[in-house]
C-alpha atoms as a PDB file:
ATOM      1  CA  MET A   1     -87.704 -36.033  16.914  1.00  0.00           C
ATOM      2  CA  SER A   2     -91.319 -34.826  16.715  1.00  0.00           C
ATOM      3  CA  ASP A   3     -94.513 -36.715  17.363  1.00  0.00           C
ATOM      4  CA  GLY A   4     -92.827 -40.052  17.162  1.00  0.00           C
ATOM      5  CA  HIS A   5     -91.517 -39.442  13.566  1.00  0.00           C
ATOM      6  CA  PRO A   6     -87.842 -40.081  12.865  1.00  0.00           C
ATOM      7  CA  LEU A   7     -87.429 -36.937  10.744  1.00  0.00           C
ATOM      8  CA  GLU A   8     -86.698 -33.736  12.583  1.00  0.00           C
ATOM      9  CA  GLY A   9     -89.565 -31.257  12.571  1.00  0.00           C
ATOM     10  CA  VAL A  10     -91.911 -33.752  10.912  1.00  0.00           C
ATOM     11  CA  VAL A  11     -95.205 -34.888  12.299  1.00  0.00           C
ATOM     12  CA  ALA A  12     -97.348 -37.781  11.374  1.00  0.00           C
ATOM     13  CA  VAL A  13    -100.459 -37.017   9.385  1.00  0.00           C
ATOM     14  CA  PRO A  14    -103.505 -39.034  10.519  1.00  0.00           C
ATOM     15  CA  LEU A  15    -104.936 -41.314   7.897  1.00  0.00           C
ATOM     16  CA  ASP A  16    -108.503 -41.298   9.316  1.00  0.00           C
ATOM     17  CA  GLY A  17    -109.449 -38.945   6.433  1.00  0.00           C
ATOM     18  CA  PRO A  18    -107.936 -37.719   3.122  1.00  0.00           C
ATOM     19  CA  ILE A  19    -104.507 -36.256   3.749  1.00  0.00           C
ATOM     20  CA  TRP A  20    -104.835 -33.944   0.754  1.00  0.00           C
ATOM     21  CA  SER A  21    -106.752 -31.377   2.701  1.00  0.00           C
ATOM     22  CA  ARG A  22    -103.834 -30.833   5.048  1.00  0.00           C
ATOM     23  CA  VAL A  23    -101.233 -29.658   2.536  1.00  0.00           C
ATOM     24  CA  PHE A  24    -101.175 -27.708  -0.681  1.00  0.00           C
ATOM     25  CA  LEU A  25    -100.414 -29.505  -3.867  1.00  0.00           C
ATOM     26  CA  VAL A  26     -99.867 -28.033  -7.276  1.00  0.00           C
ATOM     27  CA  ALA A  27    -101.999 -29.370 -10.130  1.00  0.00           C
ATOM     28  CA  PRO A  28    -103.286 -28.246 -13.509  1.00  0.00           C
ATOM     29  CA  LEU A  29    -106.874 -26.904 -13.577  1.00  0.00           C
ATOM     30  CA  VAL A  30    -108.840 -28.052 -16.686  1.00  0.00           C
ATOM     31  CA  LEU A  31    -112.366 -28.025 -17.893  1.00  0.00           C
ATOM     32  CA  VAL A  32    -113.654 -31.439 -19.016  1.00  0.00           C
ATOM     33  CA  ALA A  33    -116.681 -31.376 -21.297  1.00  0.00           C
ATOM     34  CA  THR A  34    -118.911 -34.298 -22.117  1.00  0.00           C
ATOM     35  CA  ARG A  35    -122.128 -34.806 -24.141  1.00  0.00           C
ATOM     36  CA  GLU A  36    -125.234 -35.264 -22.144  1.00  0.00           C
ATOM     37  CA  GLY A  37    -127.901 -37.835 -23.093  1.00  0.00           C
ATOM     38  CA  GLY A  38    -130.403 -35.230 -24.127  1.00  0.00           C
ATOM     39  CA  GLY A  39    -128.010 -33.615 -26.613  1.00  0.00           C
ATOM     40  CA  GLY A  40    -126.704 -30.870 -24.352  1.00  0.00           C
ATOM     41  CA  HIS A  41    -123.354 -30.829 -22.686  1.00  0.00           C
ATOM     42  CA  ASP A  42    -121.757 -30.825 -19.275  1.00  0.00           C
ATOM     43  CA  ILE A  43    -118.577 -28.939 -18.374  1.00  0.00           C
ATOM     44  CA  ALA A  44    -116.843 -29.531 -15.032  1.00  0.00           C
ATOM     45  CA  PRO A  45    -113.463 -28.343 -13.588  1.00  0.00           C
ATOM     46  CA  LYS A  46    -110.953 -31.125 -12.757  1.00  0.00           C
ATOM     47  CA  HIS A  47    -107.566 -30.800 -11.056  1.00  0.00           C
ATOM     48  CA  MET A  48    -106.596 -34.419 -10.608  1.00  0.00           C
ATOM     49  CA  ALA A  49    -105.755 -34.544 -14.277  1.00  0.00           C
ATOM     50  CA  THR A  50    -102.559 -35.429 -16.146  1.00  0.00           C
ATOM     51  CA  PRO A  51    -100.981 -36.872 -19.249  1.00  0.00           C
ATOM     52  CA  MET A  52    -100.869 -40.668 -18.884  1.00  0.00           C
ATOM     53  CA  GLY A  53     -97.368 -41.540 -19.921  1.00  0.00           C
ATOM     54  CA  TRP A  54     -95.289 -40.023 -22.770  1.00  0.00           C
ATOM     55  CA  GLN A  55     -97.727 -40.976 -25.550  1.00  0.00           C
ATOM     56  CA  ASN A  56    -100.983 -39.110 -26.376  1.00  0.00           C
ATOM     57  CA  TYR A  57    -103.169 -40.253 -23.486  1.00  0.00           C
ATOM     58  CA  PHE A  58    -104.807 -38.025 -20.912  1.00  0.00           C
ATOM     59  CA  GLY A  59    -106.633 -38.994 -17.655  1.00  0.00           C
ATOM     60  CA  PHE A  60    -108.443 -37.486 -14.818  1.00  0.00           C
ATOM     61  CA  VAL A  61    -109.895 -38.635 -11.556  1.00  0.00           C
ATOM     62  CA  CYS A  62    -113.694 -38.806 -11.382  1.00  0.00           C
ATOM     63  CA  SER A  63    -116.531 -40.777  -9.813  1.00  0.00           C
ATOM     64  CA  PRO A  64    -119.464 -42.790 -11.141  1.00  0.00           C
ATOM     65  CA  ARG A  65    -121.661 -40.459  -9.125  1.00  0.00           C
ATOM     66  CA  HIS A  66    -120.641 -37.546 -11.403  1.00  0.00           C
ATOM     67  CA  ALA A  67    -122.163 -36.771 -14.795  1.00  0.00           C
ATOM     68  CA  THR A  68    -118.738 -36.344 -16.319  1.00  0.00           C
ATOM     69  CA  GLN A  69    -117.797 -39.994 -15.898  1.00  0.00           C
ATOM     70  CA  ARG A  70    -121.245 -41.333 -16.794  1.00  0.00           C
ATOM     71  CA  ASN A  71    -121.362 -39.236 -19.895  1.00  0.00           C
ATOM     72  CA  ALA A  72    -117.840 -40.200 -21.014  1.00  0.00           C
ATOM     73  CA  GLU A  73    -118.706 -43.890 -20.583  1.00  0.00           C
ATOM     74  CA  ALA A  74    -122.043 -43.476 -22.456  1.00  0.00           C
ATOM     75  CA  THR A  75    -120.614 -41.541 -25.404  1.00  0.00           C
ATOM     76  CA  GLY A  76    -117.046 -42.765 -25.507  1.00  0.00           C
ATOM     77  CA  ALA A  77    -115.552 -39.342 -25.666  1.00  0.00           C
ATOM     78  CA  PHE A  78    -114.677 -36.154 -23.708  1.00  0.00           C
ATOM     79  CA  THR A  79    -112.784 -32.924 -24.338  1.00  0.00           C
ATOM     80  CA  VAL A  80    -110.339 -31.024 -22.151  1.00  0.00           C
ATOM     81  CA  SER A  81    -109.872 -27.266 -22.278  1.00  0.00           C
ATOM     82  CA  PHE A  82    -106.933 -25.650 -20.354  1.00  0.00           C
ATOM     83  CA  PRO A  83    -108.186 -22.215 -19.258  1.00  0.00           C
ATOM     84  CA  ARG A  84    -106.002 -19.108 -18.858  1.00  0.00           C
ATOM     85  CA  PRO A  85    -105.610 -17.408 -15.445  1.00  0.00           C
ATOM     86  CA  GLU A  86    -107.998 -14.633 -16.365  1.00  0.00           C
ATOM     87  CA  GLN A  87    -110.772 -17.243 -16.990  1.00  0.00           C
ATOM     88  CA  PHE A  88    -111.324 -18.008 -13.331  1.00  0.00           C
ATOM     89  CA  VAL A  89    -114.909 -16.734 -13.661  1.00  0.00           C
ATOM     90  CA  GLU A  90    -115.669 -19.334 -16.267  1.00  0.00           C
ATOM     91  CA  ILE A  91    -114.110 -22.042 -14.099  1.00  0.00           C
ATOM     92  CA  SER A  92    -116.267 -20.920 -11.189  1.00  0.00           C
ATOM     93  CA  LEU A  93    -119.437 -21.132 -13.363  1.00  0.00           C
ATOM     94  CA  ALA A  94    -118.497 -24.650 -14.492  1.00  0.00           C
ATOM     95  CA  ALA A  95    -118.178 -25.638 -10.819  1.00  0.00           C
ATOM     96  CA  ALA A  96    -121.701 -24.530  -9.884  1.00  0.00           C
ATOM     97  CA  PRO A  97    -123.884 -27.334  -8.564  1.00  0.00           C
ATOM     98  CA  ARG A  98    -126.789 -28.752 -10.492  1.00  0.00           C
ATOM     99  CA  LEU A  99    -130.353 -27.758  -9.690  1.00  0.00           C
ATOM    100  CA  ARG A 100    -132.937 -30.254  -8.439  1.00  0.00           C
ATOM    101  CA  ASP A 101    -133.908 -31.001 -12.059  1.00  0.00           C
ATOM    102  CA  SER A 102    -130.286 -31.965 -12.745  1.00  0.00           C
ATOM    103  CA  THR A 103    -129.669 -28.916 -15.005  1.00  0.00           C
ATOM    104  CA  LYS A 104    -126.717 -26.517 -14.609  1.00  0.00           C
ATOM    105  CA  PRO A 105    -127.928 -23.164 -15.959  1.00  0.00           C
ATOM    106  CA  SER A 106    -124.571 -21.502 -15.260  1.00  0.00           C
ATOM    107  CA  LEU A 107    -123.082 -23.405 -18.280  1.00  0.00           C
ATOM    108  CA  ALA A 108    -125.069 -21.139 -20.595  1.00  0.00           C
ATOM    109  CA  ALA A 109    -122.647 -18.347 -19.691  1.00  0.00           C
ATOM    110  CA  LEU A 110    -119.626 -20.270 -20.905  1.00  0.00           C
ATOM    111  CA  PRO A 111    -118.626 -19.540 -24.676  1.00  0.00           C
ATOM    112  CA  THR A 112    -118.161 -22.825 -26.408  1.00  0.00           C
ATOM    113  CA  VAL A 113    -117.347 -24.103 -29.877  1.00  0.00           C
ATOM    114  CA  ALA A 114    -117.854 -27.463 -31.471  1.00  0.00           C
ATOM    115  CA  ALA A 115    -115.083 -29.974 -31.183  1.00  0.00           C
ATOM    116  CA  THR A 116    -113.428 -31.092 -34.497  1.00  0.00           C
ATOM    117  CA  ALA A 117    -112.921 -34.844 -34.037  1.00  0.00           C
ATOM    118  CA  VAL A 118    -115.395 -35.997 -31.330  1.00  0.00           C
ATOM    119  CA  ASP A 119    -118.986 -35.116 -30.467  1.00  0.00           C
ATOM    120  CA  GLY A 120    -118.432 -32.471 -27.905  1.00  0.00           C
ATOM    121  CA  VAL A 121    -117.562 -28.869 -27.154  1.00  0.00           C
ATOM    122  CA  LEU A 122    -114.559 -26.789 -26.241  1.00  0.00           C
ATOM    123  CA  VAL A 123    -114.499 -23.748 -24.007  1.00  0.00           C
ATOM    124  CA  ALA A 124    -113.497 -20.662 -26.029  1.00  0.00           C
ATOM    125  CA  GLY A 125    -110.494 -18.587 -25.020  1.00  0.00           C
ATOM    126  CA  CYS A 126    -108.412 -21.327 -23.545  1.00  0.00           C
ATOM    127  CA  SER A 127    -104.746 -22.047 -24.140  1.00  0.00           C
ATOM    128  CA  LEU A 128    -104.789 -25.766 -24.995  1.00  0.00           C
ATOM    129  CA  TYR A 129    -107.427 -28.162 -26.168  1.00  0.00           C
ATOM    130  CA  LEU A 130    -107.602 -31.925 -26.236  1.00  0.00           C
ATOM    131  CA  GLU A 131    -110.277 -34.071 -27.861  1.00  0.00           C
ATOM    132  CA  CYS A 132    -110.353 -37.621 -26.476  1.00  0.00           C
ATOM    133  CA  GLU A 133    -111.854 -40.918 -27.331  1.00  0.00           C
ATOM    134  CA  LEU A 134    -112.470 -42.918 -24.104  1.00  0.00           C
ATOM    135  CA  GLU A 135    -109.720 -45.527 -23.719  1.00  0.00           C
ATOM    136  CA  ARG A 136    -110.672 -47.079 -20.362  1.00  0.00           C
ATOM    137  CA  VAL A 137    -112.104 -46.380 -16.910  1.00  0.00           C
ATOM    138  CA  VAL A 138    -110.183 -47.871 -13.935  1.00  0.00           C
ATOM    139  CA  ASP A 139    -112.371 -48.254 -10.888  1.00  0.00           C
ATOM    140  CA  GLY A 140    -111.435 -49.149  -7.326  1.00  0.00           C
ATOM    141  CA  PHE A 141    -109.740 -46.029  -5.954  1.00  0.00           C
ATOM    142  CA  GLY A 142    -112.102 -45.823  -3.064  1.00  0.00           C
ATOM    143  CA  GLU A 143    -115.247 -44.142  -4.411  1.00  0.00           C
ATOM    144  CA  ASN A 144    -113.271 -42.707  -7.352  1.00  0.00           C
ATOM    145  CA  SER A 145    -112.235 -43.866 -10.807  1.00  0.00           C
ATOM    146  CA  LEU A 146    -109.555 -42.914 -13.302  1.00  0.00           C
ATOM    147  CA  VAL A 147    -110.972 -41.918 -16.668  1.00  0.00           C
ATOM    148  CA  VAL A 148    -108.358 -42.242 -19.463  1.00  0.00           C
ATOM    149  CA  GLY A 149    -108.765 -41.001 -22.998  1.00  0.00           C
ATOM    150  CA  ARG A 150    -106.694 -41.281 -26.186  1.00  0.00           C
ATOM    151  CA  VAL A 151    -106.031 -37.868 -27.663  1.00  0.00           C
ATOM    152  CA  VAL A 152    -107.386 -37.860 -31.224  1.00  0.00           C
ATOM    153  CA  ALA A 153    -107.068 -34.111 -31.879  1.00  0.00           C
ATOM    154  CA  ALA A 154    -105.269 -31.255 -30.150  1.00  0.00           C
ATOM    155  CA  ALA A 155    -105.012 -27.473 -30.677  1.00  0.00           C
ATOM    156  CA  ALA A 156    -103.361 -24.580 -28.911  1.00  0.00           C
ATOM    157  CA  ARG A 157    -103.099 -20.831 -29.038  1.00  0.00           C
ATOM    158  CA  ALA A 158    -100.135 -20.033 -31.284  1.00  0.00           C
ATOM    159  CA  ASP A 159     -98.491 -17.902 -28.642  1.00  0.00           C
ATOM    160  CA  ALA A 160     -98.722 -20.693 -26.071  1.00  0.00           C
ATOM    161  CA  LEU A 161     -96.639 -23.173 -28.149  1.00  0.00           C
ATOM    162  CA  ARG A 162     -93.034 -23.785 -27.497  1.00  0.00           C
ATOM    163  CA  ALA A 163     -90.618 -22.913 -30.421  1.00  0.00           C
ATOM    164  CA  GLU A 164     -86.925 -23.100 -30.977  1.00  0.00           C
ATOM    165  CA  GLU A 165     -86.623 -19.424 -31.593  1.00  0.00           C
ATOM    166  CA  ARG A 166     -88.341 -18.549 -28.269  1.00  0.00           C
ATOM    167  CA  ASP A 167     -86.873 -18.960 -24.859  1.00  0.00           C
ATOM    168  CA  ASP A 168     -89.057 -21.179 -22.564  1.00  0.00           C
ATOM    169  CA  ALA A 169     -88.830 -18.678 -19.676  1.00  0.00           C
ATOM    170  CA  ASP A 170     -90.121 -15.900 -21.924  1.00  0.00           C
ATOM    171  CA  LEU A 171     -92.993 -18.092 -23.073  1.00  0.00           C
ATOM    172  CA  ILE A 172     -94.063 -18.860 -19.505  1.00  0.00           C
ATOM    173  CA  HIS A 173     -93.719 -15.219 -18.528  1.00  0.00           C
ATOM    174  CA  ASP A 174     -95.779 -14.009 -21.494  1.00  0.00           C
ATOM    175  CA  VAL A 175     -98.405 -16.787 -21.459  1.00  0.00           C
ATOM    176  CA  PRO A 176     -98.468 -17.983 -17.811  1.00  0.00           C
ATOM    177  CA  PRO A 177    -100.101 -21.356 -17.089  1.00  0.00           C
ATOM    178  CA  LEU A 178    -102.963 -21.553 -14.597  1.00  0.00           C
ATOM    179  CA  VAL A 179    -102.361 -23.913 -11.735  1.00  0.00           C
ATOM    180  CA  TYR A 180    -104.626 -25.079  -8.999  1.00  0.00           C
ATOM    181  CA  LEU A 181    -103.293 -25.163  -5.440  1.00  0.00           C
ATOM    182  CA  SER A 182    -105.423 -27.756  -3.883  1.00  0.00           C
ATOM    183  CA  PRO A 183    -107.441 -27.276  -1.794  1.00  0.00           C
ATOM    184  CA  GLY A 184    -109.177 -24.177  -2.896  1.00  0.00           C
ATOM    185  CA  ARG A 185    -106.581 -21.742  -4.327  1.00  0.00           C
ATOM    186  CA  PHE A 186    -105.157 -20.920  -7.764  1.00  0.00           C
ATOM    187  CA  ALA A 187    -102.159 -19.219  -9.115  1.00  0.00           C
ATOM    188  CA  SER A 188    -100.594 -17.935 -12.317  1.00  0.00           C
ATOM    189  CA  VAL A 189     -97.044 -19.170 -12.934  1.00  0.00           C
ATOM    190  CA  ASP A 190     -95.026 -16.508 -14.729  1.00  0.00           C
ATOM    191  CA  ARG A 191     -91.476 -17.212 -13.504  1.00  0.00           C
ATOM    192  CA  SER A 192     -89.522 -20.407 -14.035  1.00  0.00           C
ATOM    193  CA  LEU A 193     -85.964 -21.729 -14.054  1.00  0.00           C
ATOM    194  CA  SER A 194     -84.269 -24.499 -16.063  1.00  0.00           C
ATOM    195  CA  PHE A 195     -84.033 -27.663 -14.090  1.00  0.00           C
ATOM    196  CA  PRO A 196     -80.361 -28.744 -13.345  1.00  0.00           C
ATOM    197  CA  PHE A 197     -80.572 -32.238 -14.837  1.00  0.00           C
ATOM    198  CA  PRO A 198     -77.348 -34.270 -14.750  1.00  0.00           C
ATOM    199  CA  ALA A 199     -75.320 -34.570 -17.927  1.00  0.00           C
ATOM    200  CA  ASP A 200     -76.830 -37.018 -20.423  1.00  0.00           C
ATOM    201  CA  PHE A 201     -80.060 -37.330 -18.336  1.00  0.00           C
ATOM    202  CA  ARG A 202     -83.009 -38.484 -20.388  1.00  0.00           C
ATOM    203  CA  LEU A 203     -86.613 -38.259 -19.233  1.00  0.00           C
END
């Protein structure tokens, strides 16, 4: 036993602060874009982001203190761009803090195109794009909220889409997904194995 925990080699992690800074967790790294009140747009990286169930809903963790959530609630829409590993500079630019006048000049260096189904922009060069209408905001996770959208349009690079004639392992090797290793690291996943599901298992 170790540190009072019944599992061998395991120690208790104190809960006097967030435990997520003590271990590495794998997550997608996406760029969420929203329309600002003055007609411009905001783009911010998010890693606490995921499909919400098996249908076409997508959500991310945010905060009422952040422009992303305020904009999404005000306009009823947001877009999600999934960057490629070589776009880490663009992600870093999107993460830059706002100036005292609340502007974020670094966004001018990000190439964007207009969304097709909502009033917003997409970051050029990414692998997958989602255009979402705001479904709901769920508050109460401490200072954070869950922002959920219904996907009303989606697009992807042709070479990033799964196809019957292409092996999934080859696809991942050729077009590796970008993942965020929270906290503070990223990786490119180019090697994968089929999961050994039991016979007749259904997700």
